[in-house]
C-alpha atoms as a PDB file:
ATOM      1  CA  VAL A   1      75.684 109.952 103.191  1.00  0.00           C
ATOM      2  CA  ILE A   2      77.946 112.960 102.775  1.00  0.00           C
ATOM      3  CA  ASN A   3      81.388 112.266 104.180  1.00  0.00           C
ATOM      4  CA  LYS A   4      83.705 115.209 103.523  1.00  0.00           C
ATOM      5  CA  LYS A   5      86.699 116.388 105.497  1.00  0.00           C
ATOM      6  CA  LEU A   6      86.656 120.077 106.393  1.00  0.00           C
ATOM      7  CA  THR A   7      89.711 122.163 107.198  1.00  0.00           C
ATOM      8  CA  ILE A   8      89.412 124.361 110.290  1.00  0.00           C
ATOM      9  CA  GLU A   9      90.794 127.853 109.782  1.00  0.00           C
ATOM     10  CA  PRO A  10      93.373 129.049 112.330  1.00  0.00           C
ATOM     11  CA  GLY A  11      92.100 131.415 115.018  1.00  0.00           C
ATOM     12  CA  GLY A  12      88.922 129.559 115.952  1.00  0.00           C
ATOM     13  CA  THR A  13      88.115 129.021 119.611  1.00  0.00           C
ATOM     14  CA  ILE A  14      86.287 126.608 121.909  1.00  0.00           C
ATOM     15  CA  MET A  15      86.002 127.979 125.455  1.00  0.00           C
ATOM     16  CA  TRP A  16      84.841 126.081 128.536  1.00  0.00           C
ATOM     17  CA  SER A  17      83.804 127.557 131.831  1.00  0.00           C
ATOM     18  CA  GLY A  18      82.379 124.668 133.801  1.00  0.00           C
ATOM     19  CA  ASP A  19      80.154 122.102 132.107  1.00  0.00           C
ATOM     20  CA  PRO A  20      81.970 120.588 129.077  1.00  0.00           C
ATOM     21  CA  LEU A  21      78.710 120.522 127.098  1.00  0.00           C
ATOM     22  CA  ASP A  22      78.211 124.240 127.725  1.00  0.00           C
ATOM     23  CA  ALA A  23      81.256 125.401 125.762  1.00  0.00           C
ATOM     24  CA  THR A  24      81.236 128.476 123.542  1.00  0.00           C
ATOM     25  CA  VAL A  25      82.472 127.977 119.976  1.00  0.00           C
ATOM     26  CA  ASP A  26      83.669 130.346 117.279  1.00  0.00           C
ATOM     27  CA  ILE A  27      84.987 128.196 114.421  1.00  0.00           C
ATOM     28  CA  VAL A  28      85.232 128.580 110.653  1.00  0.00           C
ATOM     29  CA  ALA A  29      85.839 125.451 108.556  1.00  0.00           C
ATOM     30  CA  TYR A  30      85.870 124.952 104.809  1.00  0.00           C
ATOM     31  CA  PHE A  31      85.757 122.325 102.091  1.00  0.00           C
ATOM     32  CA  ARG A  32      87.887 123.304  99.085  1.00  0.00           C
ATOM     33  CA  VAL A  33      87.228 122.510  95.442  1.00  0.00           C
ATOM     34  CA  ASN A  34      90.226 123.389  93.285  1.00  0.00           C
ATOM     35  CA  ARG A  35      88.443 123.648  89.928  1.00  0.00           C
ATOM     36  CA  ALA A  36      84.823 124.714  89.634  1.00  0.00           C
ATOM     37  CA  SER A  37      83.582 126.262  86.410  1.00  0.00           C
ATOM     38  CA  ILE A  38      81.613 129.503  86.590  1.00  0.00           C
ATOM     39  CA  SER A  39      79.769 128.480  83.391  1.00  0.00           C
ATOM     40  CA  ASP A  40      78.095 125.644  85.335  1.00  0.00           C
ATOM     41  CA  LEU A  41      76.445 128.355  87.455  1.00  0.00           C
ATOM     42  CA  THR A  42      75.682 130.958  84.803  1.00  0.00           C
ATOM     43  CA  GLY A  43      74.843 128.658  81.900  1.00  0.00           C
ATOM     44  CA  ASN A  44      77.037 130.837  79.682  1.00  0.00           C
ATOM     45  CA  VAL A  45      79.889 128.982  77.947  1.00  0.00           C
ATOM     46  CA  GLU A  46      81.756 132.294  77.679  1.00  0.00           C
ATOM     47  CA  ASP A  47      82.174 132.158  81.490  1.00  0.00           C
ATOM     48  CA  ASP A  48      84.428 129.116  81.144  1.00  0.00           C
ATOM     49  CA  GLU A  49      86.670 130.159  84.027  1.00  0.00           C
ATOM     50  CA  ASN A  50      87.741 127.583  86.615  1.00  0.00           C
ATOM     51  CA  VAL A  51      88.056 128.944  90.145  1.00  0.00           C
ATOM     52  CA  VAL A  52      89.028 127.689  93.580  1.00  0.00           C
ATOM     53  CA  VAL A  53      85.893 127.510  95.740  1.00  0.00           C
ATOM     54  CA  ASP A  54      85.723 127.217  99.521  1.00  0.00           C
ATOM     55  CA  ASP A  55      82.442 125.971 100.993  1.00  0.00           C
ATOM     56  CA  ARG A  56      82.632 127.710 104.376  1.00  0.00           C
ATOM     57  CA  VAL A  57      80.775 126.795 107.554  1.00  0.00           C
ATOM     58  CA  THR A  58      80.839 129.206 110.512  1.00  0.00           C
ATOM     59  CA  MET A  59      79.790 127.922 113.941  1.00  0.00           C
ATOM     60  CA  THR A  60      79.252 130.404 116.773  1.00  0.00           C
ATOM     61  CA  GLY A  61      77.474 130.324 120.122  1.00  0.00           C
ATOM     62  CA  ARG A  62      76.828 127.350 122.392  1.00  0.00           C
ATOM     63  CA  LEU A  63      78.411 124.003 121.489  1.00  0.00           C
ATOM     64  CA  MET A  64      75.165 122.023 121.765  1.00  0.00           C
ATOM     65  CA  SER A  65      73.053 124.574 119.842  1.00  0.00           C
ATOM     66  CA  PRO A  66      75.392 126.631 117.666  1.00  0.00           C
ATOM     67  CA  GLU A  67      74.391 129.215 115.098  1.00  0.00           C
ATOM     68  CA  ILE A  68      75.569 127.822 111.771  1.00  0.00           C
ATOM     69  CA  LYS A  69      76.100 129.937 108.642  1.00  0.00           C
ATOM     70  CA  TYR A  70      76.999 128.663 105.196  1.00  0.00           C
ATOM     71  CA  ASP A  71      78.957 130.698 102.692  1.00  0.00           C
ATOM     72  CA  ILE A  72      80.762 130.270  99.399  1.00  0.00           C
ATOM     73  CA  HIS A  73      84.140 131.994  99.137  1.00  0.00           C
ATOM     74  CA  LEU A  74      86.385 132.354  96.084  1.00  0.00           C
ATOM     75  CA  PRO A  75      89.816 132.926  97.691  1.00  0.00           C
ATOM     76  CA  GLU A  76      91.837 133.371  94.495  1.00  0.00           C
ATOM     77  CA  ALA A  77      89.269 135.051  92.212  1.00  0.00           C
ATOM     78  CA  ASP A  78      89.271 138.694  91.185  1.00  0.00           C
ATOM     79  CA  GLU A  79      86.562 141.074  92.403  1.00  0.00           C
ATOM     80  CA  THR A  80      84.621 140.943  89.106  1.00  0.00           C
ATOM     81  CA  THR A  81      84.342 137.160  89.279  1.00  0.00           C
ATOM     82  CA  ARG A  82      83.294 137.295  92.943  1.00  0.00           C
ATOM     83  CA  LEU A  83      80.580 139.842  92.159  1.00  0.00           C
ATOM     84  CA  LYS A  84      79.304 137.732  89.236  1.00  0.00           C
ATOM     85  CA  VAL A  85      79.094 134.585  91.387  1.00  0.00           C
ATOM     86  CA  ASN A  86      77.483 136.432  94.312  1.00  0.00           C
ATOM     87  CA  SER A  87      74.888 138.002  92.005  1.00  0.00           C
ATOM     88  CA  MET A  88      73.918 134.515  90.804  1.00  0.00           C
ATOM     89  CA  MET A  89      73.271 133.522  94.452  1.00  0.00           C
ATOM     90  CA  ALA A  90      71.080 136.453  95.501  1.00  0.00           C
ATOM     91  CA  THR A  91      68.681 134.412  97.661  1.00  0.00           C
ATOM     92  CA  SER A  92      69.540 132.283 100.675  1.00  0.00           C
ATOM     93  CA  GLU A  93      67.799 129.346  98.972  1.00  0.00           C
ATOM     94  CA  GLU A  94      70.064 129.618  95.921  1.00  0.00           C
ATOM     95  CA  LYS A  95      73.152 129.990  98.123  1.00  0.00           C
ATOM     96  CA  SER A  96      72.143 126.818 100.005  1.00  0.00           C
ATOM     97  CA  ARG A  97      71.641 124.943  96.698  1.00  0.00           C
ATOM     98  CA  GLN A  98      75.072 126.004  95.475  1.00  0.00           C
ATOM     99  CA  PHE A  99      76.691 125.197  98.836  1.00  0.00           C
ATOM    100  CA  LEU A 100      75.324 121.634  98.706  1.00  0.00           C
ATOM    101  CA  SER A 101      76.213 121.250  95.043  1.00  0.00           C
ATOM    102  CA  ILE A 102      79.829 122.242  95.723  1.00  0.00           C
ATOM    103  CA  LEU A 103      79.956 119.932  98.759  1.00  0.00           C
ATOM    104  CA  ILE A 104      78.398 116.906  97.031  1.00  0.00           C
ATOM    105  CA  ASN A 105      79.250 117.285  93.329  1.00  0.00           C
ATOM    106  CA  GLN A 106      82.301 119.552  93.625  1.00  0.00           C
ATOM    107  CA  THR A 107      80.811 121.826  90.981  1.00  0.00           C
ATOM    108  CA  PHE A 108      78.288 124.632  90.722  1.00  0.00           C
ATOM    109  CA  MET A 109      74.727 123.883  89.680  1.00  0.00           C
ATOM    110  CA  LEU A 110      72.904 125.887  87.020  1.00  0.00           C
ATOM    111  CA  ASN A 111      71.227 128.853  88.718  1.00  0.00           C
ATOM    112  CA  GLN A 112      67.585 128.045  89.479  1.00  0.00           C
ATOM    113  CA  ASP A 113      66.287 131.210  87.737  1.00  0.00           C
ATOM    114  CA  ILE A 114      68.141 130.309  84.539  1.00  0.00           C
ATOM    115  CA  SER A 115      67.147 126.629  84.611  1.00  0.00           C
ATOM    116  CA  SER A 116      63.458 127.502  85.105  1.00  0.00           C
ATOM    117  CA  ARG A 117      63.572 129.770  82.014  1.00  0.00           C
ATOM    118  CA  GLY A 118      65.254 127.206  79.776  1.00  0.00           C
ATOM    119  CA  SER A 119      65.332 123.452  79.741  1.00  0.00           C
ATOM    120  CA  SER A 120      65.235 121.508  82.966  1.00  0.00           C
ATOM    121  CA  SER A 121      68.533 120.650  84.615  1.00  0.00           C
ATOM    122  CA  TYR A 122      67.105 117.696  86.540  1.00  0.00           C
ATOM    123  CA  SER A 123      68.704 115.139  84.237  1.00  0.00           C
ATOM    124  CA  ALA A 124      72.090 116.837  84.570  1.00  0.00           C
ATOM    125  CA  ALA A 125      71.722 116.928  88.357  1.00  0.00           C
ATOM    126  CA  ALA A 126      70.640 113.275  88.433  1.00  0.00           C
ATOM    127  CA  GLY A 127      73.652 112.321  86.307  1.00  0.00           C
ATOM    128  CA  ALA A 128      75.994 114.270  88.574  1.00  0.00           C
ATOM    129  CA  ASN A 129      74.503 112.607  91.659  1.00  0.00           C
ATOM    130  CA  LEU A 130      74.826 109.180  90.049  1.00  0.00           C
ATOM    131  CA  ASN A 131      78.477 109.931  89.210  1.00  0.00           C
ATOM    132  CA  GLU A 132      79.055 110.987  92.829  1.00  0.00           C
ATOM    133  CA  LEU A 133      77.391 107.818  94.158  1.00  0.00           C
ATOM    134  CA  VAL A 134      79.410 105.516  91.888  1.00  0.00           C
ATOM    135  CA  SER A 135      82.642 107.395  92.655  1.00  0.00           C
ATOM    136  CA  ASN A 136      81.985 107.183  96.409  1.00  0.00           C
ATOM    137  CA  GLN A 137      81.189 103.470  96.290  1.00  0.00           C
ATOM    138  CA  LEU A 138      84.301 102.728  94.211  1.00  0.00           C
ATOM    139  CA  SER A 139      86.410 104.886  96.536  1.00  0.00           C
ATOM    140  CA  ASN A 140      85.074 103.060  99.607  1.00  0.00           C
ATOM    141  CA  TRP A 141      85.724  99.675  98.015  1.00  0.00           C
ATOM    142  CA  LEU A 142      89.314 100.602  97.056  1.00  0.00           C
ATOM    143  CA  SER A 143      89.977 102.085 100.508  1.00  0.00           C
ATOM    144  CA  LYS A 144      88.959  98.800 102.176  1.00  0.00           C
ATOM    145  CA  ILE A 145      91.558  96.845 100.196  1.00  0.00           C
ATOM    146  CA  ILE A 146      94.518  98.635 101.825  1.00  0.00           C
ATOM    147  CA  ASN A 147      94.202  99.736 105.442  1.00  0.00           C
ATOM    148  CA  ASP A 148      95.020 103.395 106.182  1.00  0.00           C
ATOM    149  CA  LEU A 149      94.724 104.296 102.473  1.00  0.00           C
ATOM    150  CA  ASP A 150      91.856 106.542 101.419  1.00  0.00           C
ATOM    151  CA  VAL A 151      91.085 106.644  97.715  1.00  0.00           C
ATOM    152  CA  ASP A 152      88.819 109.342  96.330  1.00  0.00           C
ATOM    153  CA  LEU A 153      87.709 109.182  92.710  1.00  0.00           C
ATOM    154  CA  ASN A 154      85.768 112.018  91.126  1.00  0.00           C
ATOM    155  CA  TYR A 155      84.358 111.702  87.615  1.00  0.00           C
ATOM    156  CA  ARG A 156      82.819 114.648  85.749  1.00  0.00           C
ATOM    157  CA  SER A 157      81.320 114.513  82.309  1.00  0.00           C
ATOM    158  CA  ASN A 158      80.625 117.678  80.352  1.00  0.00           C
ATOM    159  CA  ARG A 159      78.376 116.749  77.411  1.00  0.00           C
ATOM    160  CA  GLU A 160      78.344 120.277  75.988  1.00  0.00           C
ATOM    161  CA  MET A 161      82.147 120.355  75.757  1.00  0.00           C
ATOM    162  CA  ASN A 162      82.449 116.638  74.837  1.00  0.00           C
ATOM    163  CA  SER A 163      84.950 116.057  77.615  1.00  0.00           C
ATOM    164  CA  ASP A 164      85.377 113.833  80.647  1.00  0.00           C
ATOM    165  CA  GLU A 165      87.487 114.530  83.702  1.00  0.00           C
ATOM    166  CA  VAL A 166      88.687 112.034  86.296  1.00  0.00           C
ATOM    167  CA  GLN A 167      90.337 113.170  89.499  1.00  0.00           C
ATOM    168  CA  VAL A 168      92.091 110.704  91.798  1.00  0.00           C
ATOM    169  CA  ALA A 169      93.152 111.609  95.319  1.00  0.00           C
ATOM    170  CA  LEU A 170      95.158 109.287  97.535  1.00  0.00           C
ATOM    171  CA  SER A 171      95.616 109.821 101.243  1.00  0.00           C
ATOM    172  CA  TYR A 172      97.717 107.574 103.474  1.00  0.00           C
ATOM    173  CA  GLN A 173      97.503 107.658 107.268  1.00  0.00           C
ATOM    174  CA  LEU A 174     100.590 106.974 109.401  1.00  0.00           C
ATOM    175  CA  PHE A 175     101.229 106.856 113.149  1.00  0.00           C
ATOM    176  CA  ASP A 176      97.577 106.465 114.235  1.00  0.00           C
ATOM    177  CA  ASP A 177      96.333 109.303 111.963  1.00  0.00           C
ATOM    178  CA  LYS A 178      98.965 111.741 113.250  1.00  0.00           C
ATOM    179  CA  LEU A 179     100.575 112.045 109.811  1.00  0.00           C
ATOM    180  CA  THR A 180      98.631 112.193 106.558  1.00  0.00           C
ATOM    181  CA  ILE A 181     100.203 112.082 103.110  1.00  0.00           C
ATOM    182  CA  ASN A 182      97.960 113.363 100.299  1.00  0.00           C
ATOM    183  CA  ARG A 183      98.362 113.194  96.530  1.00  0.00           C
ATOM    184  CA  THR A 184      95.813 114.446  93.996  1.00  0.00           C
ATOM    185  CA  ARG A 185      95.999 113.873  90.259  1.00  0.00           C
END
């Protein structure tokens, strides 16, 4: 089960004119990853640039049957980097794969065209999914120990670079979820 908190961008609207289920929505929300490596997408170690990535979801139309669009936005990247990433996601299928990879694994996945030419990336994807599953289960277990405390652990292993990365995020809820204190390390 994917359980991610999205941030709603200011300026979105929900308008009612009668039936509450017949509202009109125009909302953009995003899930932010602070460090995603472009080399994970391109397969080129020379592209070892970490960027901020926003997985964006746009909902428009009727509340009960909205039109939903997925997009990947690099808010702090230069135009060259944006063009490189967009060129690697030329098809809607590839964009959807990358959107889910960012949402679930918090990293890009090797482009499908590149992975089909070279060795298979299924083992890397399986390892990343296993890491995500273990991290989620550990996070859930730790969060149950202390009420109102959310613990999020994220473990990434990069075999090519012989490095491991562990990210810990703590979030504490106060005043019936009206105040949230976050800390990421």
